């Protein structure tokens, strides 16, 4: 009976700490986003730079950030951004969209990619953090 109680307490502890782990992922993703800051902005007041602003990326069609001049390859890619597409793209942008203007070698570390998505995907189209 003690093993069963201990097991149940362990599971409850893991569940209770899940939001804290998520917050750590977002914080690590924010740090990782520093690699993107030279070209991209995100959050309230974000504007296009060398690359488009990334607010509301999850669910947005590629090549549609208002006021940004995309390559034909990006505009015609048919991509709608979501977690799986982002994670594949960020590993090697030129392999995912041949002809893209994005000059970035990519991120290969899976944990860093997961953290970066946790950070980027929290922003809505207005740059506010989703509740």
Protein backbone atom coordinates (compact mmCIF):
# COMPACT_ATOMS: atom_id res chain seq x y z
CA UNK A 1 0.00 0.00 0.00
CA UNK A 2 2.87 2.39 0.77
CA UNK A 3 4.34 1.88 -2.71
CA UNK A 4 0.97 2.70 -4.25
CA UNK A 5 0.65 5.88 -2.15
CA UNK A 6 4.21 6.93 -2.99
CA UNK A 7 3.57 6.31 -6.70
CA UNK A 8 0.38 8.37 -6.62
CA UNK A 9 2.16 11.22 -4.82
CA UNK A 10 4.96 11.15 -7.37
CA UNK A 11 2.48 11.42 -10.25
CA UNK A 12 0.63 14.28 -8.55
CA UNK A 13 3.90 16.12 -7.97
CA UNK A 14 4.84 15.81 -11.65
CA UNK A 15 1.42 17.09 -12.72
CA UNK A 16 1.54 19.98 -10.26
CA UNK A 17 4.96 21.05 -11.51
CA UNK A 18 4.08 20.86 -15.23
CA UNK A 19 3.22 24.59 -15.50
CA UNK A 20 6.58 25.48 -13.93
CA UNK A 21 8.37 23.34 -16.49
CA UNK A 22 6.44 25.09 -19.27
CA UNK A 23 7.52 28.49 -17.90
CA UNK A 24 11.13 27.36 -17.93
CA UNK A 25 10.75 26.33 -21.57
CA UNK A 26 9.35 29.75 -22.47
CA UNK A 27 12.18 31.49 -20.61
CA UNK A 28 14.76 29.36 -22.40
CA UNK A 29 12.97 30.07 -25.68
CA UNK A 30 13.17 33.79 -25.04
CA UNK A 31 16.93 33.43 -24.58
CA UNK A 32 17.14 31.41 -27.80
CA UNK A 33 15.13 34.10 -29.61
CA UNK A 34 18.13 36.41 -29.14
CA UNK A 35 19.56 34.62 -32.20
CA UNK A 36 16.53 35.88 -34.16
CA UNK A 37 16.44 39.48 -32.90
CA UNK A 38 18.75 40.89 -35.55
CA UNK A 39 16.14 40.08 -38.20
CA UNK A 40 12.81 39.48 -36.42
CA UNK A 41 10.69 41.22 -33.79
CA UNK A 42 7.90 39.80 -31.65
CA UNK A 43 5.62 41.18 -28.97
CA UNK A 44 3.63 44.38 -28.63
CA UNK A 45 4.82 47.03 -31.07
CA UNK A 46 6.84 44.56 -33.16
CA UNK A 47 7.68 45.81 -36.66
CA UNK A 48 9.16 44.11 -39.70
CA UNK A 49 12.95 44.23 -39.87
CA UNK A 50 15.17 42.34 -42.29
CA UNK A 51 12.65 39.55 -41.65
CA UNK A 52 8.93 39.79 -40.86
CA UNK A 53 7.55 40.31 -37.36
CA UNK A 54 6.50 36.99 -35.88
CA UNK A 55 3.37 37.82 -33.89
CA UNK A 56 0.57 35.30 -34.35
CA UNK A 57 2.83 32.92 -36.23
CA UNK A 58 0.89 29.80 -35.21
CA UNK A 59 -1.85 29.41 -37.84
CA UNK A 60 -0.55 32.19 -40.13
CA UNK A 61 0.01 31.48 -43.80
CA UNK A 62 3.59 31.90 -44.94
CA UNK A 63 4.28 35.12 -46.79
CA UNK A 64 1.42 37.13 -45.27
CA UNK A 65 2.87 39.46 -42.61
CA UNK A 66 1.52 42.85 -43.56
CA UNK A 67 4.07 45.22 -45.07
CA UNK A 68 6.87 42.69 -45.50
CA UNK A 69 8.40 41.98 -48.92
CA UNK A 70 8.64 38.19 -49.11
CA UNK A 71 10.44 36.07 -51.68
CA UNK A 72 8.21 34.35 -54.22
CA UNK A 73 9.37 31.04 -52.73
CA UNK A 74 7.98 31.99 -49.34
CA UNK A 75 4.75 33.50 -50.68
CA UNK A 76 4.09 30.42 -52.83
CA UNK A 77 5.21 27.77 -50.33
CA UNK A 78 1.65 26.89 -49.29
CA UNK A 79 2.81 26.65 -45.69
CA UNK A 80 0.56 27.43 -42.76
CA UNK A 81 2.75 27.79 -39.71
CA UNK A 82 2.22 25.39 -36.84
CA UNK A 83 4.47 23.60 -34.39
CA UNK A 84 5.54 20.77 -36.71
CA UNK A 85 6.23 23.04 -39.70
CA UNK A 86 8.14 25.56 -37.57
CA UNK A 87 10.31 22.85 -36.02
CA UNK A 88 11.18 21.41 -39.42
CA UNK A 89 11.81 24.86 -40.92
CA UNK A 90 14.02 26.21 -38.14
CA UNK A 91 16.41 23.25 -38.51
CA UNK A 92 17.24 24.24 -42.10
CA UNK A 93 15.16 27.09 -43.59
CA UNK A 94 16.60 26.81 -47.11
CA UNK A 95 15.84 23.08 -47.26
CA UNK A 96 12.21 23.62 -46.18
CA UNK A 97 11.62 26.59 -48.52
CA UNK A 98 14.18 26.55 -51.34
CA UNK A 99 14.64 30.13 -52.54
CA UNK A 100 13.78 31.77 -49.22
CA UNK A 101 15.59 35.01 -48.39
CA UNK A 102 16.22 33.80 -44.85
CA UNK A 103 19.96 33.50 -44.42
CA UNK A 104 20.12 31.44 -41.23
CA UNK A 105 21.97 28.17 -40.79
CA UNK A 106 19.27 26.78 -38.51
CA UNK A 107 19.01 25.34 -35.03
CA UNK A 108 19.69 21.63 -34.69
CA UNK A 109 19.19 21.08 -30.95
CA UNK A 110 15.70 19.63 -30.35
CA UNK A 111 15.38 21.06 -26.83
CA UNK A 112 16.28 24.54 -28.06
CA UNK A 113 13.79 24.22 -30.93
CA UNK A 114 11.04 23.15 -28.50
CA UNK A 115 11.84 26.06 -26.20
CA UNK A 116 11.90 28.53 -29.09
CA UNK A 117 8.48 27.34 -30.28
CA UNK A 118 7.11 27.66 -26.72
CA UNK A 119 8.25 31.28 -26.70
CA UNK A 120 7.19 32.30 -30.22
CA UNK A 121 3.81 30.56 -30.15
CA UNK A 122 2.66 32.34 -27.00
CA UNK A 123 2.13 35.64 -28.88
CA UNK A 124 -1.16 36.45 -30.59
CA UNK A 125 -1.38 38.52 -33.79
CA UNK A 126 -1.32 41.74 -31.74
CA UNK A 127 1.82 40.75 -29.86
CA UNK A 128 0.03 40.05 -26.63
CA UNK A 129 0.74 36.88 -24.68
CA UNK A 130 -2.19 34.49 -24.99
CA UNK A 131 -3.99 33.72 -21.77
